[in-house]
Amino acid sequence: MTTSVTSAPAPAAAPTPAQPAKHREVGVLNGIAHIALVFWALVTVGPLIWAVLASFKSNTEIYLGTPFALPEHFSFENYASAWQEAHIGRYFLNSVFVVSLSTAGTMLFGSMAAYVLARYRFRGNRFIYYMFVSGLALPTFMAITPLFYILNNMGLKNTFTGLILVYIAYSLPFTVFFLAAFFKSLPHEIDEAATMDGASHTRKFFQIMMPMAKSGLISITIFNIVGQWNQYLLPVAIMQGAGADSKWVLTQGIASISVQAGYHAEWDVLFAALTLTIIPMIIVYAIFQRQIQAGLTAGAVK
């Protein structure tokens, strides 16, 4: 006698729940955010493209032509005029010299101060840290007058030394603020192991902590380079007087092109000079883009 076994019918699949309203709201907000970012990118890139195109045009094309139209012919005559006749080449080299030394000094002193304030406990630690951070709340133009008299009394007005020292002091607050938080996030076990192995404080800082903080150091270095490269108010206050134009930096040289021309402004040469100013910073950021992003997020990950 055979017995047939009837299999039970498979349960019906549960209906897929509708997407929660919260998820839909997040998707809508993300879409709006992306649209806003695209719009902001166009607003930012548009003037840059216009300046680069105008640097290849003549004054007539700039005044009468369409702003984003291609030039009739691409010529580097405007760049040659800006580099030689407008002395942009000399101002460019001055900027490279000043920014290189001031950035190196800022990173050396700023990283050492941030490391000590972040890793060591001593009386007055927080007071010194807050004194550095308070520099972020002081607008630059408020210190122009006392700064001018201090440098003048010290004999540092119209000198590269005075400008470099001012740039270092101007950049230290943000450098210390950024790196102190970064050094705090580094593991203490490696520091303690190096101390047990007999490493001095100097060796621990230069051979252990600085390589570990490489991404953060690169990030703040790029920020300092861009900020000091584009600085205009401080050089104008320090580099003035008879013979000071030979020590002008790039921002002063560009401003002088339109000022000295009077009513007959050479816009084609001016846009060529602006392009020479913009391109180096774009190249630097493009090369170190990954390191900058890693440095900004490393503190949160660790």
C-alpha atoms as a PDB file:
ATOM      1  CA  MET A   1       0.000   0.000   0.000  1.00  0.00           C
ATOM      2  CA  THR A   2       1.565   3.247  -1.083  1.00  0.00           C
ATOM      3  CA  THR A   3       1.033   6.460   0.722  1.00  0.00           C
ATOM      4  CA  SER A   4       1.255   9.685  -1.232  1.00  0.00           C
ATOM      5  CA  VAL A   5       2.729  12.628   0.565  1.00  0.00           C
ATOM      6  CA  THR A   6       1.332  15.929  -0.465  1.00  0.00           C
ATOM      7  CA  SER A   7       3.762  18.810   0.004  1.00  0.00           C
ATOM      8  CA  ALA A   8       2.405  21.846   1.704  1.00  0.00           C
ATOM      9  CA  PRO A   9       2.011  24.857  -0.543  1.00  0.00           C
ATOM     10  CA  ALA A  10       4.854  27.370  -0.284  1.00  0.00           C
ATOM     11  CA  PRO A  11       3.906  30.442   1.710  1.00  0.00           C
ATOM     12  CA  ALA A  12       3.227  33.459  -0.359  1.00  0.00           C
ATOM     13  CA  ALA A  13       6.037  35.987  -0.482  1.00  0.00           C
ATOM     14  CA  ALA A  14       5.504  38.853   1.859  1.00  0.00           C
ATOM     15  CA  PRO A  15       4.773  42.062   0.058  1.00  0.00           C
ATOM     16  CA  THR A  16       7.727  44.425  -0.140  1.00  0.00           C
ATOM     17  CA  PRO A  17       7.100  47.304   2.205  1.00  0.00           C
ATOM     18  CA  ALA A  18       6.901  50.682   0.640  1.00  0.00           C
ATOM     19  CA  GLN A  19       9.992  52.848   0.916  1.00  0.00           C
ATOM     20  CA  PRO A  20       9.839  54.759   4.181  1.00  0.00           C
ATOM     21  CA  ALA A  21       9.033  58.413   3.897  1.00  0.00           C
ATOM     22  CA  LYS A  22      12.269  59.240   5.718  1.00  0.00           C
ATOM     23  CA  HIS A  23      14.355  57.589   3.000  1.00  0.00           C
ATOM     24  CA  ARG A  24      12.483  59.482   0.311  1.00  0.00           C
ATOM     25  CA  GLU A  25      13.152  62.753   2.125  1.00  0.00           C
ATOM     26  CA  VAL A  26      16.872  61.936   2.345  1.00  0.00           C
ATOM     27  CA  GLY A  27      16.932  61.168  -1.384  1.00  0.00           C
ATOM     28  CA  VAL A  28      15.256  64.472  -2.192  1.00  0.00           C
ATOM     29  CA  LEU A  29      17.672  66.393   0.020  1.00  0.00           C
ATOM     30  CA  ASN A  30      20.645  64.652  -1.618  1.00  0.00           C
ATOM     31  CA  GLY A  31      19.325  65.591  -5.028  1.00  0.00           C
ATOM     32  CA  ILE A  32      18.919  69.232  -4.007  1.00  0.00           C
ATOM     33  CA  ALA A  33      22.422  69.220  -2.533  1.00  0.00           C
ATOM     34  CA  HIS A  34      23.908  67.854  -5.760  1.00  0.00           C
ATOM     35  CA  ILE A  35      22.091  70.463  -7.828  1.00  0.00           C
ATOM     36  CA  ALA A  36      23.359  73.210  -5.516  1.00  0.00           C
ATOM     37  CA  LEU A  37      26.923  71.885  -5.781  1.00  0.00           C
ATOM     38  CA  VAL A  38      26.731  71.778  -9.591  1.00  0.00           C
ATOM     39  CA  PHE A  39      25.439  75.353  -9.634  1.00  0.00           C
ATOM     40  CA  TRP A  40      28.210  76.465  -7.259  1.00  0.00           C
ATOM     41  CA  ALA A  41      30.838  74.733  -9.419  1.00  0.00           C
ATOM     42  CA  LEU A  42      29.582  76.551 -12.527  1.00  0.00           C
ATOM     43  CA  VAL A  43      29.579  79.890 -10.705  1.00  0.00           C
ATOM     44  CA  THR A  44      33.161  79.254  -9.528  1.00  0.00           C
ATOM     45  CA  VAL A  45      34.595  77.858 -12.758  1.00  0.00           C
ATOM     46  CA  GLY A  46      32.868  80.378 -15.040  1.00  0.00           C
ATOM     47  CA  PRO A  47      35.014  83.409 -14.090  1.00  0.00           C
ATOM     48  CA  LEU A  48      38.180  81.292 -14.295  1.00  0.00           C
ATOM     49  CA  ILE A  49      37.361  80.169 -17.831  1.00  0.00           C
ATOM     50  CA  TRP A  50      36.508  83.748 -18.796  1.00  0.00           C
ATOM     51  CA  ALA A  51      39.821  85.050 -17.415  1.00  0.00           C
ATOM     52  CA  VAL A  52      41.846  82.395 -19.252  1.00  0.00           C
ATOM     53  CA  LEU A  53      40.057  83.063 -22.564  1.00  0.00           C
ATOM     54  CA  ALA A  54      40.445  86.831 -22.126  1.00  0.00           C
ATOM     55  CA  SER A  55      44.183  86.410 -21.584  1.00  0.00           C
ATOM     56  CA  PHE A  56      44.499  85.364 -25.244  1.00  0.00           C
ATOM     57  CA  LYS A  57      42.334  88.187 -26.617  1.00  0.00           C
ATOM     58  CA  SER A  58      43.033  91.791 -27.522  1.00  0.00           C
ATOM     59  CA  ASN A  59      41.396  94.728 -25.775  1.00  0.00           C
ATOM     60  CA  THR A  60      38.989  95.102 -28.694  1.00  0.00           C
ATOM     61  CA  GLU A  61      37.860  91.491 -28.430  1.00  0.00           C
ATOM     62  CA  ILE A  62      37.400  91.811 -24.679  1.00  0.00           C
ATOM     63  CA  TYR A  63      35.283  94.958 -24.968  1.00  0.00           C
ATOM     64  CA  LEU A  64      33.231  94.121 -28.074  1.00  0.00           C
ATOM     65  CA  GLY A  65      33.280  90.328 -28.281  1.00  0.00           C
ATOM     66  CA  THR A  66      31.247  87.679 -26.511  1.00  0.00           C
ATOM     67  CA  PRO A  67      32.709  86.960 -23.049  1.00  0.00           C
ATOM     68  CA  PHE A  68      33.012  83.181 -23.474  1.00  0.00           C
ATOM     69  CA  ALA A  69      33.804  83.206 -27.192  1.00  0.00           C
ATOM     70  CA  LEU A  70      37.111  81.740 -28.282  1.00  0.00           C
ATOM     71  CA  PRO A  71      39.794  84.266 -29.312  1.00  0.00           C
ATOM     72  CA  GLU A  72      40.420  84.813 -33.000  1.00  0.00           C
ATOM     73  CA  HIS A  73      43.886  83.330 -32.599  1.00  0.00           C
ATOM     74  CA  PHE A  74      45.704  81.968 -29.579  1.00  0.00           C
ATOM     75  CA  SER A  75      48.800  84.066 -28.985  1.00  0.00           C
ATOM     76  CA  PHE A  76      51.118  84.309 -26.017  1.00  0.00           C
ATOM     77  CA  GLU A  77      52.017  87.948 -26.669  1.00  0.00           C
ATOM     78  CA  ASN A  78      49.947  89.063 -23.675  1.00  0.00           C
ATOM     79  CA  TYR A  79      51.853  86.676 -21.436  1.00  0.00           C
ATOM     80  CA  ALA A  80      55.183  87.923 -22.773  1.00  0.00           C
ATOM     81  CA  SER A  81      54.124  91.525 -22.165  1.00  0.00           C
ATOM     82  CA  ALA A  82      52.919  90.729 -18.648  1.00  0.00           C
ATOM     83  CA  TRP A  83      56.080  88.776 -17.813  1.00  0.00           C
ATOM     84  CA  GLN A  84      58.589  91.316 -19.136  1.00  0.00           C
ATOM     85  CA  GLU A  85      57.074  94.770 -19.626  1.00  0.00           C
ATOM     86  CA  ALA A  86      54.796  94.643 -16.571  1.00  0.00           C
ATOM     87  CA  HIS A  87      57.573  92.920 -14.540  1.00  0.00           C
ATOM     88  CA  ILE A  88      55.250  90.081 -13.544  1.00  0.00           C
ATOM     89  CA  GLY A  89      58.191  87.693 -13.862  1.00  0.00           C
ATOM     90  CA  ARG A  90      60.082  89.519 -11.121  1.00  0.00           C
ATOM     91  CA  TYR A  91      57.002  89.705  -8.898  1.00  0.00           C
ATOM     92  CA  PHE A  92      56.332  86.020  -9.532  1.00  0.00           C
ATOM     93  CA  LEU A  93      59.835  85.053  -8.371  1.00  0.00           C
ATOM     94  CA  ASN A  94      59.469  87.325  -5.331  1.00  0.00           C
ATOM     95  CA  SER A  95      56.232  85.544  -4.402  1.00  0.00           C
ATOM     96  CA  VAL A  96      57.825  82.123  -4.833  1.00  0.00           C
ATOM     97  CA  PHE A  97      60.756  83.139  -2.610  1.00  0.00           C
ATOM     98  CA  VAL A  98      58.616  84.698   0.131  1.00  0.00           C
ATOM     99  CA  VAL A  99      55.924  82.013   0.192  1.00  0.00           C
ATOM    100  CA  SER A 100      58.472  79.171   0.174  1.00  0.00           C
ATOM    101  CA  LEU A 101      60.362  80.477   3.203  1.00  0.00           C
ATOM    102  CA  SER A 102      57.276  81.638   5.093  1.00  0.00           C
ATOM    103  CA  THR A 103      55.475  78.324   4.557  1.00  0.00           C
ATOM    104  CA  ALA A 104      58.524  76.373   5.682  1.00  0.00           C
ATOM    105  CA  GLY A 105      58.815  78.529   8.813  1.00  0.00           C
ATOM    106  CA  THR A 106      55.091  78.284   9.507  1.00  0.00           C
ATOM    107  CA  MET A 107      55.086  74.493   9.255  1.00  0.00           C
ATOM    108  CA  LEU A 108      58.223  74.091  11.369  1.00  0.00           C
ATOM    109  CA  PHE A 109      57.187  76.354  14.242  1.00  0.00           C
ATOM    110  CA  GLY A 110      53.470  75.549  13.973  1.00  0.00           C
ATOM    111  CA  SER A 111      53.948  71.772  14.000  1.00  0.00           C
ATOM    112  CA  MET A 112      56.334  71.902  16.953  1.00  0.00           C
ATOM    113  CA  ALA A 113      54.006  74.143  18.951  1.00  0.00           C
ATOM    114  CA  ALA A 114      50.969  72.018  18.099  1.00  0.00           C
ATOM    115  CA  TYR A 115      52.792  68.807  19.039  1.00  0.00           C
ATOM    116  CA  VAL A 116      53.848  70.111  22.452  1.00  0.00           C
ATOM    117  CA  LEU A 117      50.407  71.563  23.217  1.00  0.00           C
ATOM    118  CA  ALA A 118      48.649  68.361  22.136  1.00  0.00           C
ATOM    119  CA  ARG A 119      50.906  65.689  23.677  1.00  0.00           C
ATOM    120  CA  TYR A 120      52.343  67.254  26.839  1.00  0.00           C
ATOM    121  CA  ARG A 121      50.627  68.490  29.970  1.00  0.00           C
ATOM    122  CA  PHE A 122      52.147  71.435  31.802  1.00  0.00           C
ATOM    123  CA  ARG A 123      51.001  74.557  33.598  1.00  0.00           C
ATOM    124  CA  GLY A 124      49.770  77.159  31.108  1.00  0.00           C
ATOM    125  CA  ASN A 125      49.181  74.637  28.330  1.00  0.00           C
ATOM    126  CA  ARG A 126      45.587  75.635  27.700  1.00  0.00           C
ATOM    127  CA  PHE A 127      46.354  79.330  28.064  1.00  0.00           C
ATOM    128  CA  ILE A 128      49.034  79.204  25.361  1.00  0.00           C
ATOM    129  CA  TYR A 129      46.746  77.157  23.119  1.00  0.00           C
ATOM    130  CA  TYR A 130      43.881  79.631  23.479  1.00  0.00           C
ATOM    131  CA  MET A 131      46.249  82.512  22.804  1.00  0.00           C
ATOM    132  CA  PHE A 132      47.137  80.894  19.486  1.00  0.00           C
ATOM    133  CA  VAL A 133      43.493  80.184  18.657  1.00  0.00           C
ATOM    134  CA  SER A 134      42.447  83.741  19.542  1.00  0.00           C
ATOM    135  CA  GLY A 135      44.497  84.891  16.583  1.00  0.00           C
ATOM    136  CA  LEU A 136      41.818  83.416  14.324  1.00  0.00           C
ATOM    137  CA  ALA A 137      39.305  85.960  15.665  1.00  0.00           C
ATOM    138  CA  LEU A 138      41.538  88.979  14.947  1.00  0.00           C
ATOM    139  CA  PRO A 139      40.882  90.543  11.523  1.00  0.00           C
ATOM    140  CA  THR A 140      44.058  91.304   9.621  1.00  0.00           C
ATOM    141  CA  PHE A 141      43.229  94.937   8.900  1.00  0.00           C
ATOM    142  CA  MET A 142      42.991  95.696  12.641  1.00  0.00           C
ATOM    143  CA  ALA A 143      46.689  94.896  13.081  1.00  0.00           C
ATOM    144  CA  ILE A 144      47.950  96.806  10.041  1.00  0.00           C
ATOM    145  CA  THR A 145      48.772 100.089  11.804  1.00  0.00           C
ATOM    146  CA  PRO A 146      50.667  98.661  14.826  1.00  0.00           C
ATOM    147  CA  LEU A 147      52.324  96.125  12.548  1.00  0.00           C
ATOM    148  CA  PHE A 148      53.585  98.894  10.280  1.00  0.00           C
ATOM    149  CA  TYR A 149      55.144 100.835  13.165  1.00  0.00           C
ATOM    150  CA  ILE A 150      56.676  97.721  14.723  1.00  0.00           C
ATOM    151  CA  LEU A 151      58.400  96.735  11.481  1.00  0.00           C
ATOM    152  CA  ASN A 152      59.434 100.325  10.809  1.00  0.00           C
ATOM    153  CA  ASN A 153      61.064 100.647  14.250  1.00  0.00           C
ATOM    154  CA  MET A 154      62.830  97.319  13.778  1.00  0.00           C
ATOM    155  CA  GLY A 155      64.122  98.295  10.344  1.00  0.00           C
ATOM    156  CA  LEU A 156      62.198  95.485   8.648  1.00  0.00           C
ATOM    157  CA  LYS A 157      59.826  97.588   6.535  1.00  0.00           C
ATOM    158  CA  ASN A 158      60.310  97.076   2.781  1.00  0.00           C
ATOM    159  CA  THR A 159      62.290  93.873   3.416  1.00  0.00           C
ATOM    160  CA  PHE A 160      61.597  90.264   2.549  1.00  0.00           C
ATOM    161  CA  THR A 161      62.565  89.308   6.110  1.00  0.00           C
ATOM    162  CA  GLY A 162      59.812  91.461   7.589  1.00  0.00           C
ATOM    163  CA  LEU A 163      57.222  90.138   5.138  1.00  0.00           C
ATOM    164  CA  ILE A 164      58.216  86.512   5.799  1.00  0.00           C
ATOM    165  CA  LEU A 165      57.983  86.982   9.568  1.00  0.00           C
ATOM    166  CA  VAL A 166      54.564  88.605   9.218  1.00  0.00           C
ATOM    167  CA  TYR A 167      53.349  85.772   6.999  1.00  0.00           C
ATOM    168  CA  ILE A 168      54.519  83.225   9.578  1.00  0.00           C
ATOM    169  CA  ALA A 169      52.765  85.051  12.415  1.00  0.00           C
ATOM    170  CA  TYR A 170      49.648  85.443  10.256  1.00  0.00           C
ATOM    171  CA  SER A 171      49.477  81.692   9.490  1.00  0.00           C
ATOM    172  CA  LEU A 172      50.433  80.244  12.884  1.00  0.00           C
ATOM    173  CA  PRO A 173      46.992  80.411  14.604  1.00  0.00           C
ATOM    174  CA  PHE A 174      45.188  78.208  12.093  1.00  0.00           C
ATOM    175  CA  THR A 175      48.208  75.911  11.728  1.00  0.00           C
ATOM    176  CA  VAL A 176      48.432  75.289  15.484  1.00  0.00           C
ATOM    177  CA  PHE A 177      44.648  74.898  15.784  1.00  0.00           C
ATOM    178  CA  PHE A 178      44.507  72.334  12.960  1.00  0.00           C
ATOM    179  CA  LEU A 179      47.605  70.309  13.859  1.00  0.00           C
ATOM    180  CA  ALA A 180      46.943  70.223  17.605  1.00  0.00           C
ATOM    181  CA  ALA A 181      43.686  68.368  16.981  1.00  0.00           C
ATOM    182  CA  PHE A 182      45.485  66.089  14.513  1.00  0.00           C
ATOM    183  CA  PHE A 183      48.341  65.217  16.884  1.00  0.00           C
ATOM    184  CA  LYS A 184      45.815  64.397  19.612  1.00  0.00           C
ATOM    185  CA  SER A 185      44.276  61.730  17.389  1.00  0.00           C
ATOM    186  CA  LEU A 186      47.566  59.833  16.946  1.00  0.00           C
ATOM    187  CA  PRO A 187      47.914  56.685  19.095  1.00  0.00           C
ATOM    188  CA  HIS A 188      49.823  57.087  22.362  1.00  0.00           C
ATOM    189  CA  GLU A 189      51.112  53.497  22.334  1.00  0.00           C
ATOM    190  CA  ILE A 190      53.752  54.261  19.691  1.00  0.00           C
ATOM    191  CA  ASP A 191      54.830  57.350  21.595  1.00  0.00           C
ATOM    192  CA  GLU A 192      55.218  55.343  24.791  1.00  0.00           C
ATOM    193  CA  ALA A 193      57.105  52.554  23.007  1.00  0.00           C
ATOM    194  CA  ALA A 194      59.571  55.078  21.569  1.00  0.00           C
ATOM    195  CA  THR A 195      60.097  56.571  25.049  1.00  0.00           C
ATOM    196  CA  MET A 196      60.842  53.120  26.496  1.00  0.00           C
ATOM    197  CA  ASP A 197      63.362  52.532  23.685  1.00  0.00           C
ATOM    198  CA  GLY A 198      65.219  55.668  24.759  1.00  0.00           C
ATOM    199  CA  ALA A 199      64.137  58.043  21.975  1.00  0.00           C
ATOM    200  CA  SER A 200      64.508  61.713  22.811  1.00  0.00           C
ATOM    201  CA  HIS A 201      61.676  64.197  22.424  1.00  0.00           C
ATOM    202  CA  THR A 202      63.258  65.628  19.283  1.00  0.00           C
ATOM    203  CA  ARG A 203      63.690  62.198  17.711  1.00  0.00           C
ATOM    204  CA  LYS A 204      60.137  61.176  18.572  1.00  0.00           C
ATOM    205  CA  PHE A 205      58.794  64.310  16.917  1.00  0.00           C
ATOM    206  CA  PHE A 206      60.833  64.300  13.701  1.00  0.00           C
ATOM    207  CA  GLN A 207      61.179  60.553  13.095  1.00  0.00           C
ATOM    208  CA  ILE A 208      57.936  59.137  14.491  1.00  0.00           C
ATOM    209  CA  MET A 209      55.192  61.707  14.891  1.00  0.00           C
ATOM    210  CA  MET A 210      55.784  63.774  11.761  1.00  0.00           C
ATOM    211  CA  PRO A 211      55.683  60.730   9.407  1.00  0.00           C
ATOM    212  CA  MET A 212      52.489  59.584  11.124  1.00  0.00           C
ATOM    213  CA  ALA A 213      50.965  63.053  10.657  1.00  0.00           C
ATOM    214  CA  LYS A 214      52.047  63.314   7.022  1.00  0.00           C
ATOM    215  CA  SER A 215      48.531  63.678   5.587  1.00  0.00           C
ATOM    216  CA  GLY A 216      47.612  66.431   8.039  1.00  0.00           C
ATOM    217  CA  LEU A 217      50.891  68.269   7.436  1.00  0.00           C
ATOM    218  CA  ILE A 218      50.374  68.199   3.673  1.00  0.00           C
ATOM    219  CA  SER A 219      46.823  69.511   4.024  1.00  0.00           C
ATOM    220  CA  ILE A 220      47.728  72.485   6.191  1.00  0.00           C
ATOM    221  CA  THR A 221      50.806  73.192   4.034  1.00  0.00           C
ATOM    222  CA  ILE A 222      48.626  73.573   0.943  1.00  0.00           C
ATOM    223  CA  PHE A 223      46.205  75.840   2.814  1.00  0.00           C
ATOM    224  CA  ASN A 224      49.102  78.032   3.951  1.00  0.00           C
ATOM    225  CA  ILE A 225      50.600  78.205   0.465  1.00  0.00           C
ATOM    226  CA  VAL A 226      47.301  79.274  -1.080  1.00  0.00           C
ATOM    227  CA  GLY A 227      46.561  81.796   1.680  1.00  0.00           C
ATOM    228  CA  GLN A 228      49.993  83.405   1.566  1.00  0.00           C
ATOM    229  CA  TRP A 229      50.156  83.358  -2.240  1.00  0.00           C
ATOM    230  CA  ASN A 230      46.885  85.287  -2.487  1.00  0.00           C
ATOM    231  CA  GLN A 231      47.655  87.712   0.357  1.00  0.00           C
ATOM    232  CA  TYR A 232      47.389  91.361  -0.693  1.00  0.00           C
ATOM    233  CA  LEU A 233      46.719  93.549   2.347  1.00  0.00           C
ATOM    234  CA  LEU A 234      49.862  92.647   4.298  1.00  0.00           C
ATOM    235  CA  PRO A 235      52.330  93.205   1.427  1.00  0.00           C
ATOM    236  CA  VAL A 236      50.694  96.545   0.587  1.00  0.00           C
ATOM    237  CA  ALA A 237      51.207  97.749   4.169  1.00  0.00           C
ATOM    238  CA  ILE A 238      54.788  96.480   4.454  1.00  0.00           C
ATOM    239  CA  MET A 239      56.223  96.945   0.945  1.00  0.00           C
ATOM    240  CA  GLN A 240      55.705 100.638   0.269  1.00  0.00           C
ATOM    241  CA  GLY A 241      57.854 103.682  -0.248  1.00  0.00           C
ATOM    242  CA  ALA A 242      60.682 104.582  -2.586  1.00  0.00           C
ATOM    243  CA  GLY A 243      62.227 101.568  -4.268  1.00  0.00           C
ATOM    244  CA  ALA A 244      59.793  99.103  -2.713  1.00  0.00           C
ATOM    245  CA  ASP A 245      58.285  98.140  -6.078  1.00  0.00           C
ATOM    246  CA  SER A 246      61.311  95.930  -6.831  1.00  0.00           C
ATOM    247  CA  LYS A 247      60.295  93.771  -3.843  1.00  0.00           C
ATOM    248  CA  TRP A 248      56.594  93.605  -4.611  1.00  0.00           C
ATOM    249  CA  VAL A 249      54.889  90.234  -4.645  1.00  0.00           C
ATOM    250  CA  LEU A 250      52.579  89.034  -7.380  1.00  0.00           C
ATOM    251  CA  THR A 251      49.327  90.428  -6.004  1.00  0.00           C
ATOM    252  CA  GLN A 252      50.818  93.925  -5.791  1.00  0.00           C
ATOM    253  CA  GLY A 253      52.186  93.683  -9.315  1.00  0.00           C
ATOM    254  CA  ILE A 254      48.812  92.702 -10.738  1.00  0.00           C
ATOM    255  CA  ALA A 255      47.080  95.576  -8.966  1.00  0.00           C
ATOM    256  CA  SER A 256      49.666  98.032 -10.301  1.00  0.00           C
ATOM    257  CA  ILE A 257      48.898  97.095 -13.921  1.00  0.00           C
ATOM    258  CA  SER A 258      45.425  98.626 -13.773  1.00  0.00           C
ATOM    259  CA  VAL A 259      46.415 101.495 -11.465  1.00  0.00           C
ATOM    260  CA  GLN A 260      49.364 102.705 -13.512  1.00  0.00           C
ATOM    261  CA  ALA A 261      47.485 102.419 -16.811  1.00  0.00           C
ATOM    262  CA  GLY A 262      44.972 105.093 -15.770  1.00  0.00           C
ATOM    263  CA  TYR A 263      42.065 105.344 -18.165  1.00  0.00           C
ATOM    264  CA  HIS A 264      43.794 103.141 -20.735  1.00  0.00           C
ATOM    265  CA  ALA A 265      43.781  99.850 -18.874  1.00  0.00           C
ATOM    266  CA  GLU A 266      45.514  96.951 -20.610  1.00  0.00           C
ATOM    267  CA  TRP A 267      42.958  94.304 -19.777  1.00  0.00           C
ATOM    268  CA  ASP A 268      44.554  91.687 -22.017  1.00  0.00           C
ATOM    269  CA  VAL A 269      47.848  91.950 -20.117  1.00  0.00           C
ATOM    270  CA  LEU A 270      45.976  92.065 -16.810  1.00  0.00           C
ATOM    271  CA  PHE A 271      44.103  88.823 -17.537  1.00  0.00           C
ATOM    272  CA  ALA A 272      47.365  87.177 -18.626  1.00  0.00           C
ATOM    273  CA  ALA A 273      48.909  88.162 -15.290  1.00  0.00           C
ATOM    274  CA  LEU A 274      45.862  86.831 -13.437  1.00  0.00           C
ATOM    275  CA  THR A 275      46.169  83.521 -15.271  1.00  0.00           C
ATOM    276  CA  LEU A 276      49.834  83.285 -14.298  1.00  0.00           C
ATOM    277  CA  THR A 277      48.726  83.743 -10.688  1.00  0.00           C
ATOM    278  CA  ILE A 278      45.902  81.213 -10.781  1.00  0.00           C
ATOM    279  CA  ILE A 279      47.534  78.331 -12.656  1.00  0.00           C
ATOM    280  CA  PRO A 280      50.268  77.489 -10.082  1.00  0.00           C
ATOM    281  CA  MET A 281      47.709  77.127  -7.287  1.00  0.00           C
ATOM    282  CA  ILE A 282      45.463  74.924  -9.438  1.00  0.00           C
ATOM    283  CA  ILE A 283      48.433  72.703 -10.287  1.00  0.00           C
ATOM    284  CA  VAL A 284      49.470  72.418  -6.632  1.00  0.00           C
ATOM    285  CA  TYR A 285      45.945  71.527  -5.538  1.00  0.00           C
ATOM    286  CA  ALA A 286      45.502  69.024  -8.380  1.00  0.00           C
ATOM    287  CA  ILE A 287      48.743  67.229  -7.449  1.00  0.00           C
ATOM    288  CA  PHE A 288      48.000  67.017  -3.719  1.00  0.00           C
ATOM    289  CA  GLN A 289      44.219  66.644  -3.885  1.00  0.00           C
ATOM    290  CA  ARG A 290      44.193  63.123  -2.431  1.00  0.00           C
ATOM    291  CA  GLN A 291      46.529  64.075   0.415  1.00  0.00           C
ATOM    292  CA  ILE A 292      44.409  67.123   1.267  1.00  0.00           C
ATOM    293  CA  GLN A 293      41.228  65.057   1.474  1.00  0.00           C
ATOM    294  CA  ALA A 294      42.987  62.355   3.500  1.00  0.00           C
ATOM    295  CA  GLY A 295      44.330  64.934   5.932  1.00  0.00           C
ATOM    296  CA  LEU A 296      40.925  66.515   6.469  1.00  0.00           C
ATOM    297  CA  THR A 297      39.291  63.174   7.286  1.00  0.00           C
ATOM    298  CA  ALA A 298      42.149  61.378   9.071  1.00  0.00           C
ATOM    299  CA  GLY A 299      41.402  62.940  12.437  1.00  0.00           C
ATOM    300  CA  ALA A 300      37.792  61.751  12.297  1.00  0.00           C
ATOM    301  CA  VAL A 301      38.739  58.202  11.257  1.00  0.00           C
ATOM    302  CA  LYS A 302      41.391  57.757  13.909  1.00  0.00           C
END
